[in-house]
Protein backbone atom coordinates (compact mmCIF):
# COMPACT_ATOMS: atom_id res chain seq x y z
CA UNK A 1 0.00 0.00 0.00
CA UNK A 2 1.27 3.45 -0.92
CA UNK A 3 1.10 6.26 1.62
CA UNK A 4 1.33 9.87 0.47
CA UNK A 5 2.83 12.43 2.85
CA UNK A 6 2.32 16.06 1.86
CA UNK A 7 4.55 18.53 3.66
CA UNK A 8 4.05 22.29 3.85
CA UNK A 9 7.26 24.31 4.00
CA UNK A 10 7.59 27.91 5.19
CA UNK A 11 10.22 30.10 6.82
CA UNK A 12 8.96 28.82 10.19
CA UNK A 13 9.60 25.17 9.30
CA UNK A 14 7.81 22.11 7.96
CA UNK A 15 4.44 20.55 8.77
CA UNK A 16 2.76 17.38 7.52
CA UNK A 17 -0.58 18.54 6.09
CA UNK A 18 -1.81 15.24 4.64
CA UNK A 19 -0.86 11.64 5.32
CA UNK A 20 -2.90 8.91 3.68
CA UNK A 21 -3.44 6.52 0.78
CA UNK A 22 -5.51 8.85 -1.47
CA UNK A 23 -3.23 9.89 -4.37
CA UNK A 24 -5.83 12.18 -5.95
CA UNK A 25 -6.33 14.08 -2.70
CA UNK A 26 -2.59 14.39 -2.06
CA UNK A 27 -1.91 15.72 -5.56
CA UNK A 28 -4.88 18.12 -5.53
CA UNK A 29 -3.60 20.22 -2.62
CA UNK A 30 -2.37 23.78 -3.21
CA UNK A 31 -0.03 25.94 -1.17
CA UNK A 32 -2.73 28.64 -0.82
CA UNK A 33 -4.79 26.11 1.15
CA UNK A 34 -2.37 26.47 4.09
CA UNK A 35 -1.28 29.44 6.18
CA UNK A 36 2.15 30.85 5.35
CA UNK A 37 3.01 27.98 2.98
CA UNK A 38 5.87 28.64 0.58
CA UNK A 39 5.88 25.19 -1.05
CA UNK A 40 4.33 21.73 -0.86
CA UNK A 41 6.36 18.55 -1.16
CA UNK A 42 5.15 14.98 -1.52
CA UNK A 43 6.82 11.84 -0.22
CA UNK A 44 5.58 8.45 -1.37
CA UNK A 45 6.08 5.56 1.02
CA UNK A 46 5.54 1.90 0.21
CA UNK A 47 6.16 -1.04 2.54
CA UNK A 48 7.95 1.22 5.05
CA UNK A 49 10.37 2.69 2.49
CA UNK A 50 10.31 6.10 0.83
CA UNK A 51 10.12 5.39 -2.89
CA UNK A 52 9.80 8.92 -4.29
CA UNK A 53 9.63 12.58 -3.35
CA UNK A 54 8.93 15.72 -5.33
CA UNK A 55 7.67 19.28 -5.10
CA UNK A 56 4.04 19.86 -6.03
CA UNK A 57 4.26 22.37 -8.87
CA UNK A 58 1.34 24.72 -9.33
CA UNK A 59 0.47 26.62 -12.46
CA UNK A 60 -1.77 29.69 -12.56
CA UNK A 61 -4.57 27.54 -13.99
CA UNK A 62 -4.36 25.06 -11.09
CA UNK A 63 -4.10 27.57 -8.26
CA UNK A 64 -7.53 28.41 -6.85
CA UNK A 65 -8.56 32.06 -7.02
CA UNK A 66 -8.62 33.34 -3.45
CA UNK A 67 -9.89 36.78 -4.46
CA UNK A 68 -6.81 38.48 -3.06
PDB file of N, CA and C in Angstrom:
ATOM      1  N   UNK A   1       0.837  -1.178   0.000  1.00  0.00           N
ATOM      2  CA  UNK A   1       0.000   0.000   0.000  1.00  0.00           C
ATOM      3  C   UNK A   1       0.885   1.245   0.000  1.00  0.00           C
ATOM      4  N   UNK A   2       0.547   2.183  -0.848  1.00  0.00           N
ATOM      5  CA  UNK A   2       1.273   3.445  -0.916  1.00  0.00           C
ATOM      6  C   UNK A   2       0.651   4.439   0.071  1.00  0.00           C
ATOM      7  N   UNK A   3       1.521   5.188   0.731  1.00  0.00           N
ATOM      8  CA  UNK A   3       1.096   6.264   1.618  1.00  0.00           C
ATOM      9  C   UNK A   3       1.713   7.549   1.086  1.00  0.00           C
ATOM     10  N   UNK A   4       0.889   8.568   0.963  1.00  0.00           N
ATOM     11  CA  UNK A   4       1.331   9.875   0.475  1.00  0.00           C
ATOM     12  C   UNK A   4       1.447  10.824   1.664  1.00  0.00           C
ATOM     13  N   UNK A   5       2.598  11.457   1.789  1.00  0.00           N
ATOM     14  CA  UNK A   5       2.833  12.430   2.849  1.00  0.00           C
ATOM     15  C   UNK A   5       3.067  13.774   2.165  1.00  0.00           C
ATOM     16  N   UNK A   6       2.175  14.726   2.428  1.00  0.00           N
ATOM     17  CA  UNK A   6       2.322  16.064   1.863  1.00  0.00           C
ATOM     18  C   UNK A   6       2.822  16.976   2.973  1.00  0.00           C
ATOM     19  N   UNK A   7       3.919  17.668   2.675  1.00  0.00           N
ATOM     20  CA  UNK A   7       4.554  18.530   3.661  1.00  0.00           C
ATOM     21  C   UNK A   7       4.491  19.977   3.194  1.00  0.00           C
ATOM     22  N   UNK A   8       4.092  20.849   4.106  1.00  0.00           N
ATOM     23  CA  UNK A   8       4.046  22.286   3.854  1.00  0.00           C
ATOM     24  C   UNK A   8       5.318  22.905   4.414  1.00  0.00           C
ATOM     25  N   UNK A   9       6.025  23.652   3.575  1.00  0.00           N
ATOM     26  CA  UNK A   9       7.261  24.313   4.002  1.00  0.00           C
ATOM     27  C   UNK A   9       7.056  25.819   4.029  1.00  0.00           C
ATOM     28  N   UNK A  10       7.604  26.460   5.067  1.00  0.00           N
ATOM     29  CA  UNK A  10       7.595  27.911   5.186  1.00  0.00           C
ATOM     30  C   UNK A  10       8.873  28.324   5.908  1.00  0.00           C
ATOM     31  N   UNK A  11       9.046  29.615   6.096  1.00  0.00           N
ATOM     32  CA  UNK A  11      10.221  30.097   6.820  1.00  0.00           C
ATOM     33  C   UNK A  11      10.245  29.564   8.245  1.00  0.00           C
ATOM     34  N   UNK A  12       9.073  29.298   8.804  1.00  0.00           N
ATOM     35  CA  UNK A  12       8.963  28.818  10.187  1.00  0.00           C
ATOM     36  C   UNK A  12       9.297  27.332  10.328  1.00  0.00           C
ATOM     37  N   UNK A  13       9.291  26.592   9.228  1.00  0.00           N
ATOM     38  CA  UNK A  13       9.595  25.168   9.301  1.00  0.00           C
ATOM     39  C   UNK A  13       8.728  24.334   8.380  1.00  0.00           C
ATOM     40  N   UNK A  14       8.550  23.071   8.767  1.00  0.00           N
ATOM     41  CA  UNK A  14       7.813  22.111   7.957  1.00  0.00           C
ATOM     42  C   UNK A  14       6.690  21.501   8.787  1.00  0.00           C
ATOM     43  N   UNK A  15       5.574  21.178   8.103  1.00  0.00           N
ATOM     44  CA  UNK A  15       4.443  20.547   8.769  1.00  0.00           C
ATOM     45  C   UNK A  15       3.813  19.539   7.812  1.00  0.00           C
ATOM     46  N   UNK A  16       3.508  18.348   8.317  1.00  0.00           N
ATOM     47  CA  UNK A  16       2.758  17.381   7.516  1.00  0.00           C
ATOM     48  C   UNK A  16       1.317  17.862   7.454  1.00  0.00           C
ATOM     49  N   UNK A  17       0.794  18.054   6.233  1.00  0.00           N
ATOM     50  CA  UNK A  17      -0.580  18.544   6.085  1.00  0.00           C
ATOM     51  C   UNK A  17      -1.522  17.473   5.560  1.00  0.00           C
ATOM     52  N   UNK A  18      -0.993  16.391   5.038  1.00  0.00           N
ATOM     53  CA  UNK A  18      -1.809  15.237   4.638  1.00  0.00           C
ATOM     54  C   UNK A  18      -0.945  13.991   4.708  1.00  0.00           C
ATOM     55  N   UNK A  19      -1.492  12.955   5.304  1.00  0.00           N
ATOM     56  CA  UNK A  19      -0.858  11.641   5.316  1.00  0.00           C
ATOM     57  C   UNK A  19      -1.969  10.626   5.071  1.00  0.00           C
ATOM     58  N   UNK A  20      -1.873   9.888   3.974  1.00  0.00           N
ATOM     59  CA  UNK A  20      -2.900   8.906   3.681  1.00  0.00           C
ATOM     60  C   UNK A  20      -2.694   8.238   2.331  1.00  0.00           C
ATOM     61  N   UNK A  21      -3.587   7.307   1.995  1.00  0.00           N
ATOM     62  CA  UNK A  21      -3.439   6.522   0.776  1.00  0.00           C
ATOM     63  C   UNK A  21      -4.064   7.134  -0.482  1.00  0.00           C
ATOM     64  N   UNK A  22      -4.755   8.268  -0.358  1.00  0.00           N
ATOM     65  CA  UNK A  22      -5.505   8.850  -1.475  1.00  0.00           C
ATOM     66  C   UNK A  22      -4.598   9.725  -2.347  1.00  0.00           C
ATOM     67  N   UNK A  23      -4.131   9.165  -3.464  1.00  0.00           N
ATOM     68  CA  UNK A  23      -3.232   9.885  -4.372  1.00  0.00           C
ATOM     69  C   UNK A  23      -3.886  11.142  -4.927  1.00  0.00           C
ATOM     70  N   UNK A  24      -5.146  11.031  -5.361  1.00  0.00           N
ATOM     71  CA  UNK A  24      -5.833  12.179  -5.949  1.00  0.00           C
ATOM     72  C   UNK A  24      -5.921  13.339  -4.959  1.00  0.00           C
ATOM     73  N   UNK A  25      -6.241  13.033  -3.713  1.00  0.00           N
ATOM     74  CA  UNK A  25      -6.329  14.082  -2.696  1.00  0.00           C
ATOM     75  C   UNK A  25      -4.960  14.707  -2.454  1.00  0.00           C
ATOM     76  N   UNK A  26      -3.941  13.884  -2.323  1.00  0.00           N
ATOM     77  CA  UNK A  26      -2.594  14.385  -2.062  1.00  0.00           C
ATOM     78  C   UNK A  26      -2.129  15.315  -3.181  1.00  0.00           C
ATOM     79  N   UNK A  27      -2.394  14.942  -4.425  1.00  0.00           N
ATOM     80  CA  UNK A  27      -1.910  15.720  -5.561  1.00  0.00           C
ATOM     81  C   UNK A  27      -2.794  16.917  -5.890  1.00  0.00           C
ATOM     82  N   UNK A  28      -3.967  16.999  -5.255  1.00  0.00           N
ATOM     83  CA  UNK A  28      -4.877  18.117  -5.532  1.00  0.00           C
ATOM     84  C   UNK A  28      -4.677  19.296  -4.585  1.00  0.00           C
ATOM     85  N   UNK A  29      -3.816  19.146  -3.583  1.00  0.00           N
ATOM     86  CA  UNK A  29      -3.602  20.218  -2.620  1.00  0.00           C
ATOM     87  C   UNK A  29      -2.801  21.360  -3.244  1.00  0.00           C
ATOM     88  N   UNK A  30      -3.044  22.570  -2.729  1.00  0.00           N
ATOM     89  CA  UNK A  30      -2.367  23.779  -3.213  1.00  0.00           C
ATOM     90  C   UNK A  30      -1.781  24.527  -2.031  1.00  0.00           C
ATOM     91  N   UNK A  31      -0.685  25.209  -2.251  1.00  0.00           N
ATOM     92  CA  UNK A  31      -0.028  25.940  -1.174  1.00  0.00           C
ATOM     93  C   UNK A  31      -0.931  27.010  -0.568  1.00  0.00           C
ATOM     94  N   UNK A  32      -1.832  27.601  -1.343  1.00  0.00           N
ATOM     95  CA  UNK A  32      -2.727  28.636  -0.817  1.00  0.00           C
ATOM     96  C   UNK A  32      -3.745  28.067   0.173  1.00  0.00           C
ATOM     97  N   UNK A  33      -3.877  26.746   0.220  1.00  0.00           N
ATOM     98  CA  UNK A  33      -4.795  26.107   1.155  1.00  0.00           C
ATOM     99  C   UNK A  33      -4.270  26.146   2.591  1.00  0.00           C
ATOM    100  N   UNK A  34      -3.007  26.526   2.786  1.00  0.00           N
ATOM    101  CA  UNK A  34      -2.373  26.466   4.094  1.00  0.00           C
ATOM    102  C   UNK A  34      -1.740  27.810   4.439  1.00  0.00           C
ATOM    103  N   UNK A  35      -1.840  28.178   5.712  1.00  0.00           N
ATOM    104  CA  UNK A  35      -1.280  29.443   6.185  1.00  0.00           C
ATOM    105  C   UNK A  35       0.229  29.478   6.007  1.00  0.00           C
ATOM    106  N   UNK A  36       0.713  30.581   5.477  1.00  0.00           N
ATOM    107  CA  UNK A  36       2.147  30.845   5.348  1.00  0.00           C
ATOM    108  C   UNK A  36       2.925  29.696   4.698  1.00  0.00           C
ATOM    109  N   UNK A  37       2.363  29.101   3.678  1.00  0.00           N
ATOM    110  CA  UNK A  37       3.009  27.984   2.984  1.00  0.00           C
ATOM    111  C   UNK A  37       3.753  28.502   1.759  1.00  0.00           C
ATOM    112  N   UNK A  38       5.056  28.225   1.720  1.00  0.00           N
ATOM    113  CA  UNK A  38       5.865  28.638   0.578  1.00  0.00           C
ATOM    114  C   UNK A  38       5.912  27.561  -0.503  1.00  0.00           C
ATOM    115  N   UNK A  39       5.809  26.287  -0.097  1.00  0.00           N
ATOM    116  CA  UNK A  39       5.882  25.188  -1.055  1.00  0.00           C
ATOM    117  C   UNK A  39       5.323  23.916  -0.429  1.00  0.00           C
ATOM    118  N   UNK A  40       4.793  23.050  -1.290  1.00  0.00           N
ATOM    119  CA  UNK A  40       4.329  21.733  -0.856  1.00  0.00           C
ATOM    120  C   UNK A  40       5.205  20.655  -1.486  1.00  0.00           C
ATOM    121  N   UNK A  41       5.576  19.686  -0.686  1.00  0.00           N
ATOM    122  CA  UNK A  41       6.358  18.551  -1.156  1.00  0.00           C
ATOM    123  C   UNK A  41       5.611  17.273  -0.845  1.00  0.00           C
ATOM    124  N   UNK A  42       5.791  16.274  -1.695  1.00  0.00           N
ATOM    125  CA  UNK A  42       5.150  14.976  -1.523  1.00  0.00           C
ATOM    126  C   UNK A  42       6.219  13.909  -1.356  1.00  0.00           C
ATOM    127  N   UNK A  43       6.012  13.054  -0.365  1.00  0.00           N
ATOM    128  CA  UNK A  43       6.822  11.845  -0.222  1.00  0.00           C
ATOM    129  C   UNK A  43       5.882  10.664  -0.444  1.00  0.00           C
ATOM    130  N   UNK A  44       6.357   9.668  -1.168  1.00  0.00           N
ATOM    131  CA  UNK A  44       5.576   8.447  -1.372  1.00  0.00           C
ATOM    132  C   UNK A  44       6.291   7.316  -0.651  1.00  0.00           C
ATOM    133  N   UNK A  45       5.548   6.666   0.227  1.00  0.00           N
ATOM    134  CA  UNK A  45       6.079   5.558   1.021  1.00  0.00           C
ATOM    135  C   UNK A  45       5.360   4.271   0.639  1.00  0.00           C
ATOM    136  N   UNK A  46       6.121   3.206   0.526  1.00  0.00           N
ATOM    137  CA  UNK A  46       5.541   1.901   0.205  1.00  0.00           C
ATOM    138  C   UNK A  46       6.306   0.824   0.977  1.00  0.00           C
ATOM    139  N   UNK A  47       5.577   0.024   1.733  1.00  0.00           N
ATOM    140  CA  UNK A  47       6.165  -1.042   2.544  1.00  0.00           C
ATOM    141  C   UNK A  47       7.254  -0.511   3.468  1.00  0.00           C
ATOM    142  N   UNK A  48       7.020   0.655   4.083  1.00  0.00           N
ATOM    143  CA  UNK A  48       7.948   1.221   5.047  1.00  0.00           C
ATOM    144  C   UNK A  48       9.162   1.914   4.467  1.00  0.00           C
ATOM    145  N   UNK A  49       9.236   2.032   3.137  1.00  0.00           N
ATOM    146  CA  UNK A  49      10.367   2.695   2.485  1.00  0.00           C
ATOM    147  C   UNK A  49       9.874   3.869   1.646  1.00  0.00           C
ATOM    148  N   UNK A  50      10.633   4.966   1.698  1.00  0.00           N
ATOM    149  CA  UNK A  50      10.311   6.096   0.828  1.00  0.00           C
ATOM    150  C   UNK A  50      10.763   5.744  -0.577  1.00  0.00           C
ATOM    151  N   UNK A  51       9.811   5.772  -1.517  1.00  0.00           N
ATOM    152  CA  UNK A  51      10.118   5.386  -2.892  1.00  0.00           C
ATOM    153  C   UNK A  51      10.250   6.575  -3.831  1.00  0.00           C
ATOM    154  N   UNK A  52       9.726   7.745  -3.422  1.00  0.00           N
ATOM    155  CA  UNK A  52       9.802   8.916  -4.290  1.00  0.00           C
ATOM    156  C   UNK A  52       9.515  10.164  -3.467  1.00  0.00           C
ATOM    157  N   UNK A  53       9.997  11.287  -3.932  1.00  0.00           N
ATOM    158  CA  UNK A  53       9.631  12.578  -3.349  1.00  0.00           C
ATOM    159  C   UNK A  53       9.769  13.642  -4.433  1.00  0.00           C
ATOM    160  N   UNK A  54       8.912  14.650  -4.345  1.00  0.00           N
ATOM    161  CA  UNK A  54       8.934  15.721  -5.335  1.00  0.00           C
ATOM    162  C   UNK A  54       8.149  16.921  -4.819  1.00  0.00           C
ATOM    163  N   UNK A  55       8.408  18.067  -5.428  1.00  0.00           N
ATOM    164  CA  UNK A  55       7.665  19.285  -5.103  1.00  0.00           C
ATOM    165  C   UNK A  55       6.391  19.307  -5.930  1.00  0.00           C
ATOM    166  N   UNK A  56       5.288  19.677  -5.286  1.00  0.00           N
ATOM    167  CA  UNK A  56       4.044  19.860  -6.029  1.00  0.00           C
ATOM    168  C   UNK A  56       4.137  21.195  -6.752  1.00  0.00           C
ATOM    169  N   UNK A  57       4.197  21.154  -8.063  1.00  0.00           N
ATOM    170  CA  UNK A  57       4.264  22.367  -8.875  1.00  0.00           C
ATOM    171  C   UNK A  57       2.852  22.844  -9.164  1.00  0.00           C
ATOM    172  N   UNK A  58       2.653  24.143  -9.070  1.00  0.00           N
ATOM    173  CA  UNK A  58       1.343  24.722  -9.330  1.00  0.00           C
ATOM    174  C   UNK A  58       1.448  25.733 -10.462  1.00  0.00           C
ATOM    175  N   UNK A  59       0.544  25.624 -11.401  1.00  0.00           N
ATOM    176  CA  UNK A  59       0.468  26.615 -12.465  1.00  0.00           C
ATOM    177  C   UNK A  59      -0.655  27.594 -12.132  1.00  0.00           C
ATOM    178  N   UNK A  60      -0.721  28.700 -12.812  1.00  0.00           N
ATOM    179  CA  UNK A  60      -1.768  29.688 -12.558  1.00  0.00           C
ATOM    180  C   UNK A  60      -3.152  29.084 -12.781  1.00  0.00           C
ATOM    181  N   UNK A  61      -3.278  28.156 -13.716  1.00  0.00           N
ATOM    182  CA  UNK A  61      -4.573  27.535 -13.994  1.00  0.00           C
ATOM    183  C   UNK A  61      -5.004  26.616 -12.855  1.00  0.00           C
ATOM    184  N   UNK A  62      -4.040  26.003 -12.157  1.00  0.00           N
ATOM    185  CA  UNK A  62      -4.363  25.056 -11.094  1.00  0.00           C
ATOM    186  C   UNK A  62      -4.599  25.720  -9.747  1.00  0.00           C
ATOM    187  N   UNK A  63      -4.011  26.902  -9.544  1.00  0.00           N
ATOM    188  CA  UNK A  63      -4.102  27.571  -8.262  1.00  0.00           C
ATOM    189  C   UNK A  63      -5.481  28.194  -8.107  1.00  0.00           C
ATOM    190  N   UNK A  64      -6.191  27.847  -7.042  1.00  0.00           N
ATOM    191  CA  UNK A  64      -7.527  28.408  -6.849  1.00  0.00           C
ATOM    192  C   UNK A  64      -7.479  29.914  -6.659  1.00  0.00           C
ATOM    193  N   UNK A  65      -8.479  30.610  -7.166  1.00  0.00           N
ATOM    194  CA  UNK A  65      -8.562  32.056  -7.016  1.00  0.00           C
ATOM    195  C   UNK A  65      -9.065  32.366  -5.620  1.00  0.00           C
ATOM    196  N   UNK A  66      -8.242  33.030  -4.825  1.00  0.00           N
ATOM    197  CA  UNK A  66      -8.623  33.344  -3.450  1.00  0.00           C
ATOM    198  C   UNK A  66      -9.238  34.737  -3.346  1.00  0.00           C
ATOM    199  N   UNK A  67      -9.305  35.460  -4.456  1.00  0.00           N
ATOM    200  CA  UNK A  67      -9.895  36.785  -4.463  1.00  0.00           C
ATOM    201  C   UNK A  67      -8.988  37.851  -3.865  1.00  0.00           C
ATOM    202  N   UNK A  68      -7.736  37.522  -3.661  1.00  0.00           N
ATOM    203  CA  UNK A  68      -6.807  38.478  -3.065  1.00  0.00           C
ATOM    204  C   UNK A  68      -5.961  39.140  -4.114  1.00  0.00           C
TER     205      UNK A  68
END
